[in-house]
Amino acid sequence: MLNLKRTRTFTALALATTVLAGCTTLAKVGVGPSVAEPGTRTTSSRINDFTLAQSVRVDVYKMVPAAKDARIEVVSFYQSVLLVGEVPNADIKAQIGAVAKRYTDVKVVHNELSIGLNRSISDRLGDDLLERKANFSLLSADGLRSSQATVTAINGTLYLMGKLTQRETDRAIVRLQALDGVTRIVKIVDILPDTAS
């Protein structure tokens, strides 16, 4: 029983670390469907998203052999799946998107894979730094439930994912726009009712 408890605690901490990764950018806006219940992000939903992202990643490399030469990241947040990275051509991009869509647990797939050569390690380190800054900015913001959102950064573009009110979304975008190196912000957000008076 004690070992199970330790395992759950470790898993929750690992997932929390994973969820804190993210990136943002400045102008493109795509909003997901609105939802009726605010709720909070539970440990169970974190585990589900982590497992879902890992499963999609494994199946992509298994079912699309050409993907082994590509660089693919799979992010799942509230069962919305974001695909980012670089692939050699449009056919491989479509195949990878189709693999992700096979899962019944996936609500929507955002296939943001770019076509071209894999970016350099230094470019990816820049993405990691911007992503950490973006997520820390959300974490330190007043009036914003940072556990409800995450940011993924790719080549100056920040992908804001989560379930937020319109007020929280606007606040998050203002903070993300203030970061150096941000060129575009893509919203993948379920807009929640704002219960504040």
C-alpha atoms as a PDB file:
ATOM      1  CA  MET A   1       0.000   0.000   0.000  1.00  0.00           C
ATOM      2  CA  LEU A   2       2.861   2.333   0.936  1.00  0.00           C
ATOM      3  CA  ASN A   3       4.694   1.556  -2.315  1.00  0.00           C
ATOM      4  CA  LEU A   4       1.526   2.281  -4.312  1.00  0.00           C
ATOM      5  CA  LYS A   5       1.158   5.598  -2.503  1.00  0.00           C
ATOM      6  CA  ARG A   6       4.779   6.509  -3.261  1.00  0.00           C
ATOM      7  CA  THR A   7       4.317   5.506  -6.897  1.00  0.00           C
ATOM      8  CA  ARG A   8       1.234   7.711  -7.210  1.00  0.00           C
ATOM      9  CA  THR A   9       3.028  10.628  -5.580  1.00  0.00           C
ATOM     10  CA  PHE A  10       6.018  10.213  -7.911  1.00  0.00           C
ATOM     11  CA  THR A  11       3.723   9.944 -10.942  1.00  0.00           C
ATOM     12  CA  ALA A  12       1.837  13.082  -9.931  1.00  0.00           C
ATOM     13  CA  LEU A  13       5.101  15.007  -9.468  1.00  0.00           C
ATOM     14  CA  ALA A  14       6.448  13.791 -12.806  1.00  0.00           C
ATOM     15  CA  LEU A  15       3.229  14.807 -14.529  1.00  0.00           C
ATOM     16  CA  ALA A  16       3.196  18.186 -12.859  1.00  0.00           C
ATOM     17  CA  THR A  17       6.722  18.781 -14.161  1.00  0.00           C
ATOM     18  CA  THR A  18       5.677  17.701 -17.650  1.00  0.00           C
ATOM     19  CA  VAL A  19       2.599  19.919 -17.608  1.00  0.00           C
ATOM     20  CA  LEU A  20       4.689  22.970 -16.695  1.00  0.00           C
ATOM     21  CA  ALA A  21       6.460  22.772 -20.033  1.00  0.00           C
ATOM     22  CA  GLY A  22       4.989  25.084 -22.709  1.00  0.00           C
ATOM     23  CA  CYS A  23       5.435  27.826 -25.318  1.00  0.00           C
ATOM     24  CA  THR A  24       3.687  30.884 -26.740  1.00  0.00           C
ATOM     25  CA  THR A  25       3.661  33.419 -29.552  1.00  0.00           C
ATOM     26  CA  LEU A  26       1.830  36.462 -30.728  1.00  0.00           C
ATOM     27  CA  ALA A  27      -0.910  36.618 -33.296  1.00  0.00           C
ATOM     28  CA  LYS A  28      -2.739  33.607 -34.724  1.00  0.00           C
ATOM     29  CA  VAL A  29      -5.826  32.708 -32.725  1.00  0.00           C
ATOM     30  CA  GLY A  30      -7.695  29.398 -32.882  1.00  0.00           C
ATOM     31  CA  VAL A  31     -10.123  28.705 -30.059  1.00  0.00           C
ATOM     32  CA  GLY A  32     -11.432  25.268 -29.233  1.00  0.00           C
ATOM     33  CA  PRO A  33     -15.065  24.552 -28.394  1.00  0.00           C
ATOM     34  CA  SER A  34     -16.477  26.067 -25.232  1.00  0.00           C
ATOM     35  CA  VAL A  35     -17.397  23.771 -22.373  1.00  0.00           C
ATOM     36  CA  ALA A  36     -20.040  23.942 -19.704  1.00  0.00           C
ATOM     37  CA  GLU A  37     -18.273  22.887 -16.498  1.00  0.00           C
ATOM     38  CA  PRO A  38     -15.346  24.852 -15.042  1.00  0.00           C
ATOM     39  CA  GLY A  39     -13.791  22.162 -12.803  1.00  0.00           C
ATOM     40  CA  THR A  40     -10.121  21.910 -11.968  1.00  0.00           C
ATOM     41  CA  ARG A  41      -7.340  19.843 -13.447  1.00  0.00           C
ATOM     42  CA  THR A  42      -7.201  16.651 -11.404  1.00  0.00           C
ATOM     43  CA  THR A  43      -4.370  14.178 -10.936  1.00  0.00           C
ATOM     44  CA  SER A  44      -6.456  11.690 -12.906  1.00  0.00           C
ATOM     45  CA  SER A  45      -6.730  14.018 -15.920  1.00  0.00           C
ATOM     46  CA  ARG A  46      -2.966  14.674 -15.765  1.00  0.00           C
ATOM     47  CA  ILE A  47      -2.266  10.951 -15.793  1.00  0.00           C
ATOM     48  CA  ASN A  48      -4.722  10.399 -18.658  1.00  0.00           C
ATOM     49  CA  ASP A  49      -3.080  13.120 -20.752  1.00  0.00           C
ATOM     50  CA  PHE A  50       0.425  11.864 -20.016  1.00  0.00           C
ATOM     51  CA  THR A  51      -0.540   8.301 -20.946  1.00  0.00           C
ATOM     52  CA  LEU A  52      -2.392   9.443 -24.062  1.00  0.00           C
ATOM     53  CA  ALA A  53       0.573  11.500 -25.340  1.00  0.00           C
ATOM     54  CA  GLN A  54       2.980   8.607 -24.749  1.00  0.00           C
ATOM     55  CA  SER A  55       0.671   6.134 -26.518  1.00  0.00           C
ATOM     56  CA  VAL A  56       0.244   8.389 -29.548  1.00  0.00           C
ATOM     57  CA  ARG A  57       4.015   8.924 -29.756  1.00  0.00           C
ATOM     58  CA  VAL A  58       4.747   5.176 -29.611  1.00  0.00           C
ATOM     59  CA  ASP A  59       2.118   4.387 -32.262  1.00  0.00           C
ATOM     60  CA  VAL A  60       3.355   7.152 -34.564  1.00  0.00           C
ATOM     61  CA  TYR A  61       6.828   5.630 -34.693  1.00  0.00           C
ATOM     62  CA  LYS A  62       5.387   2.130 -35.026  1.00  0.00           C
ATOM     63  CA  MET A  63       2.807   2.878 -37.747  1.00  0.00           C
ATOM     64  CA  VAL A  64       4.687   5.568 -39.708  1.00  0.00           C
ATOM     65  CA  PRO A  65       8.227   4.189 -40.250  1.00  0.00           C
ATOM     66  CA  ALA A  66       9.345   7.391 -42.018  1.00  0.00           C
ATOM     67  CA  ALA A  67       8.685   9.291 -38.784  1.00  0.00           C
ATOM     68  CA  LYS A  68      11.938   7.948 -37.336  1.00  0.00           C
ATOM     69  CA  ASP A  69      13.814  10.591 -39.353  1.00  0.00           C
ATOM     70  CA  ALA A  70      11.489  13.371 -38.197  1.00  0.00           C
ATOM     71  CA  ARG A  71      11.306  15.261 -34.904  1.00  0.00           C
ATOM     72  CA  ILE A  72       7.860  14.958 -33.397  1.00  0.00           C
ATOM     73  CA  GLU A  73       6.459  16.170 -30.095  1.00  0.00           C
ATOM     74  CA  VAL A  74       3.049  15.095 -28.831  1.00  0.00           C
ATOM     75  CA  VAL A  75       1.326  17.211 -26.181  1.00  0.00           C
ATOM     76  CA  SER A  76      -2.012  16.223 -24.665  1.00  0.00           C
ATOM     77  CA  PHE A  77      -3.936  18.608 -22.404  1.00  0.00           C
ATOM     78  CA  TYR A  78      -7.555  17.864 -21.487  1.00  0.00           C
ATOM     79  CA  GLN A  79      -7.464  15.250 -24.280  1.00  0.00           C
ATOM     80  CA  SER A  80      -6.722  17.853 -26.946  1.00  0.00           C
ATOM     81  CA  VAL A  81      -3.635  16.641 -28.789  1.00  0.00           C
ATOM     82  CA  LEU A  82      -1.044  19.012 -30.245  1.00  0.00           C
ATOM     83  CA  LEU A  83       1.486  17.692 -32.774  1.00  0.00           C
ATOM     84  CA  VAL A  84       4.557  19.862 -33.321  1.00  0.00           C
ATOM     85  CA  GLY A  85       8.027  19.415 -34.773  1.00  0.00           C
ATOM     86  CA  GLU A  86       9.407  18.866 -38.254  1.00  0.00           C
ATOM     87  CA  VAL A  87       8.597  16.224 -40.872  1.00  0.00           C
ATOM     88  CA  PRO A  88      10.012  15.729 -44.397  1.00  0.00           C
ATOM     89  CA  ASN A  89       6.747  16.088 -46.356  1.00  0.00           C
ATOM     90  CA  ALA A  90       2.995  16.650 -46.249  1.00  0.00           C
ATOM     91  CA  ASP A  91       2.194  12.948 -46.673  1.00  0.00           C
ATOM     92  CA  ILE A  92       4.037  11.992 -43.480  1.00  0.00           C
ATOM     93  CA  LYS A  93       2.397  14.914 -41.660  1.00  0.00           C
ATOM     94  CA  ALA A  94      -1.046  13.632 -42.681  1.00  0.00           C
ATOM     95  CA  GLN A  95      -0.201  10.051 -41.688  1.00  0.00           C
ATOM     96  CA  ILE A  96       0.918  11.157 -38.226  1.00  0.00           C
ATOM     97  CA  GLY A  97      -2.250  13.199 -37.773  1.00  0.00           C
ATOM     98  CA  ALA A  98      -4.336  10.163 -38.764  1.00  0.00           C
ATOM     99  CA  VAL A  99      -2.619   8.005 -36.132  1.00  0.00           C
ATOM    100  CA  ALA A 100      -3.492  10.512 -33.398  1.00  0.00           C
ATOM    101  CA  LYS A 101      -7.115  10.702 -34.560  1.00  0.00           C
ATOM    102  CA  ARG A 102      -7.553   6.929 -34.146  1.00  0.00           C
ATOM    103  CA  TYR A 103      -7.791   7.250 -30.379  1.00  0.00           C
ATOM    104  CA  THR A 104     -11.306   7.440 -28.981  1.00  0.00           C
ATOM    105  CA  ASP A 105      -9.957   9.394 -25.979  1.00  0.00           C
ATOM    106  CA  VAL A 106      -8.684  12.187 -28.233  1.00  0.00           C
ATOM    107  CA  LYS A 107     -11.209  15.022 -28.498  1.00  0.00           C
ATOM    108  CA  VAL A 108      -9.383  16.997 -31.188  1.00  0.00           C
ATOM    109  CA  VAL A 109      -6.014  16.883 -32.965  1.00  0.00           C
ATOM    110  CA  HIS A 110      -4.128  20.081 -33.796  1.00  0.00           C
ATOM    111  CA  ASN A 111      -1.568  19.036 -36.402  1.00  0.00           C
ATOM    112  CA  GLU A 112       0.970  21.873 -36.332  1.00  0.00           C
ATOM    113  CA  LEU A 113       3.867  19.820 -37.718  1.00  0.00           C
ATOM    114  CA  SER A 114       5.988  21.886 -40.090  1.00  0.00           C
ATOM    115  CA  ILE A 115       7.494  20.527 -43.301  1.00  0.00           C
ATOM    116  CA  GLY A 116      11.245  20.851 -43.569  1.00  0.00           C
ATOM    117  CA  LEU A 117      14.563  19.876 -42.046  1.00  0.00           C
ATOM    118  CA  ASN A 118      14.848  19.111 -38.349  1.00  0.00           C
ATOM    119  CA  ARG A 119      15.815  22.210 -36.407  1.00  0.00           C
ATOM    120  CA  SER A 120      19.181  22.395 -34.666  1.00  0.00           C
ATOM    121  CA  ILE A 121      19.783  21.580 -31.020  1.00  0.00           C
ATOM    122  CA  SER A 122      20.501  25.253 -30.286  1.00  0.00           C
ATOM    123  CA  ASP A 123      17.137  26.232 -31.803  1.00  0.00           C
ATOM    124  CA  ARG A 124      15.394  23.629 -29.649  1.00  0.00           C
ATOM    125  CA  LEU A 125      17.196  24.855 -26.537  1.00  0.00           C
ATOM    126  CA  GLY A 126      15.870  28.326 -27.349  1.00  0.00           C
ATOM    127  CA  ASP A 127      12.366  26.847 -27.550  1.00  0.00           C
ATOM    128  CA  ASP A 128      12.825  25.165 -24.168  1.00  0.00           C
ATOM    129  CA  LEU A 129      13.930  28.415 -22.564  1.00  0.00           C
ATOM    130  CA  LEU A 130      11.028  30.387 -24.011  1.00  0.00           C
ATOM    131  CA  GLU A 131       8.604  27.640 -22.951  1.00  0.00           C
ATOM    132  CA  ARG A 132       9.867  27.738 -19.371  1.00  0.00           C
ATOM    133  CA  LYS A 133       9.596  31.526 -19.281  1.00  0.00           C
ATOM    134  CA  ALA A 134       6.061  31.370 -20.664  1.00  0.00           C
ATOM    135  CA  ASN A 135       4.839  28.803 -18.169  1.00  0.00           C
ATOM    136  CA  PHE A 136       6.524  30.613 -15.273  1.00  0.00           C
ATOM    137  CA  SER A 137       4.830  33.832 -16.396  1.00  0.00           C
ATOM    138  CA  LEU A 138       1.443  32.117 -16.210  1.00  0.00           C
ATOM    139  CA  LEU A 139       2.323  30.505 -12.882  1.00  0.00           C
ATOM    140  CA  SER A 140       3.144  33.875 -11.332  1.00  0.00           C
ATOM    141  CA  ALA A 141       0.095  35.717 -12.726  1.00  0.00           C
ATOM    142  CA  ASP A 142      -2.624  36.938 -10.359  1.00  0.00           C
ATOM    143  CA  GLY A 143      -6.169  35.837 -11.174  1.00  0.00           C
ATOM    144  CA  LEU A 144      -5.054  33.044 -13.475  1.00  0.00           C
ATOM    145  CA  ARG A 145      -5.344  29.346 -12.616  1.00  0.00           C
ATOM    146  CA  SER A 146      -2.075  28.231 -14.162  1.00  0.00           C
ATOM    147  CA  SER A 147      -2.903  24.565 -13.501  1.00  0.00           C
ATOM    148  CA  GLN A 148      -5.652  24.945 -16.098  1.00  0.00           C
ATOM    149  CA  ALA A 149      -3.241  25.880 -18.898  1.00  0.00           C
ATOM    150  CA  THR A 150       0.081  24.981 -20.441  1.00  0.00           C
ATOM    151  CA  VAL A 151       2.257  26.530 -23.112  1.00  0.00           C
ATOM    152  CA  THR A 152       4.388  24.812 -25.757  1.00  0.00           C
ATOM    153  CA  ALA A 153       6.999  26.815 -27.680  1.00  0.00           C
ATOM    154  CA  ILE A 154       8.194  26.014 -31.197  1.00  0.00           C
ATOM    155  CA  ASN A 155      10.287  28.447 -33.240  1.00  0.00           C
ATOM    156  CA  GLY A 156       8.814  31.583 -31.626  1.00  0.00           C
ATOM    157  CA  THR A 157       5.240  30.313 -31.705  1.00  0.00           C
ATOM    158  CA  LEU A 158       3.510  29.752 -28.383  1.00  0.00           C
ATOM    159  CA  TYR A 159       0.650  27.261 -28.210  1.00  0.00           C
ATOM    160  CA  LEU A 160      -1.620  28.069 -25.262  1.00  0.00           C
ATOM    161  CA  MET A 161      -3.684  25.022 -24.287  1.00  0.00           C
ATOM    162  CA  GLY A 162      -6.224  24.652 -21.500  1.00  0.00           C
ATOM    163  CA  LYS A 163      -9.605  25.400 -20.012  1.00  0.00           C
ATOM    164  CA  LEU A 164      -9.875  29.048 -19.010  1.00  0.00           C
ATOM    165  CA  THR A 165     -12.446  31.804 -18.781  1.00  0.00           C
ATOM    166  CA  GLN A 166     -12.274  34.538 -21.413  1.00  0.00           C
ATOM    167  CA  ARG A 167     -10.843  36.888 -18.789  1.00  0.00           C
ATOM    168  CA  GLU A 168      -8.112  34.391 -17.878  1.00  0.00           C
ATOM    169  CA  THR A 169      -7.350  33.748 -21.545  1.00  0.00           C
ATOM    170  CA  ASP A 170      -6.966  37.461 -22.250  1.00  0.00           C
ATOM    171  CA  ARG A 171      -4.736  37.873 -19.188  1.00  0.00           C
ATOM    172  CA  ALA A 172      -2.573  34.921 -20.260  1.00  0.00           C
ATOM    173  CA  ILE A 173      -2.143  36.308 -23.774  1.00  0.00           C
ATOM    174  CA  VAL A 174      -1.116  39.750 -22.494  1.00  0.00           C
ATOM    175  CA  ARG A 175       1.567  38.140 -20.340  1.00  0.00           C
ATOM    176  CA  LEU A 176       2.791  35.900 -23.141  1.00  0.00           C
ATOM    177  CA  GLN A 177       2.966  38.762 -25.643  1.00  0.00           C
ATOM    178  CA  ALA A 178       5.345  40.580 -23.288  1.00  0.00           C
ATOM    179  CA  LEU A 179       7.992  37.855 -23.568  1.00  0.00           C
ATOM    180  CA  ASP A 180      11.030  38.382 -25.804  1.00  0.00           C
ATOM    181  CA  GLY A 181      11.222  36.063 -28.795  1.00  0.00           C
ATOM    182  CA  VAL A 182       7.479  35.510 -29.203  1.00  0.00           C
ATOM    183  CA  THR A 183       6.283  35.905 -32.787  1.00  0.00           C
ATOM    184  CA  ARG A 184       2.870  34.240 -32.666  1.00  0.00           C
ATOM    185  CA  ILE A 185       0.343  32.923 -30.128  1.00  0.00           C
ATOM    186  CA  VAL A 186      -2.010  30.086 -31.008  1.00  0.00           C
ATOM    187  CA  LYS A 187      -4.953  29.530 -28.650  1.00  0.00           C
ATOM    188  CA  ILE A 188      -6.164  25.979 -28.146  1.00  0.00           C
ATOM    189  CA  VAL A 189      -8.522  26.885 -25.307  1.00  0.00           C
ATOM    190  CA  ASP A 190     -11.915  25.708 -24.120  1.00  0.00           C
ATOM    191  CA  ILE A 191     -13.602  28.888 -22.879  1.00  0.00           C
ATOM    192  CA  LEU A 192     -15.283  28.385 -19.493  1.00  0.00           C
ATOM    193  CA  PRO A 193     -18.117  30.449 -18.074  1.00  0.00           C
ATOM    194  CA  ASP A 194     -16.844  33.337 -15.971  1.00  0.00           C
ATOM    195  CA  THR A 195     -18.527  33.035 -12.579  1.00  0.00           C
ATOM    196  CA  ALA A 196     -16.825  36.135 -11.156  1.00  0.00           C
ATOM    197  CA  SER A 197     -19.209  38.987 -10.517  1.00  0.00           C
END
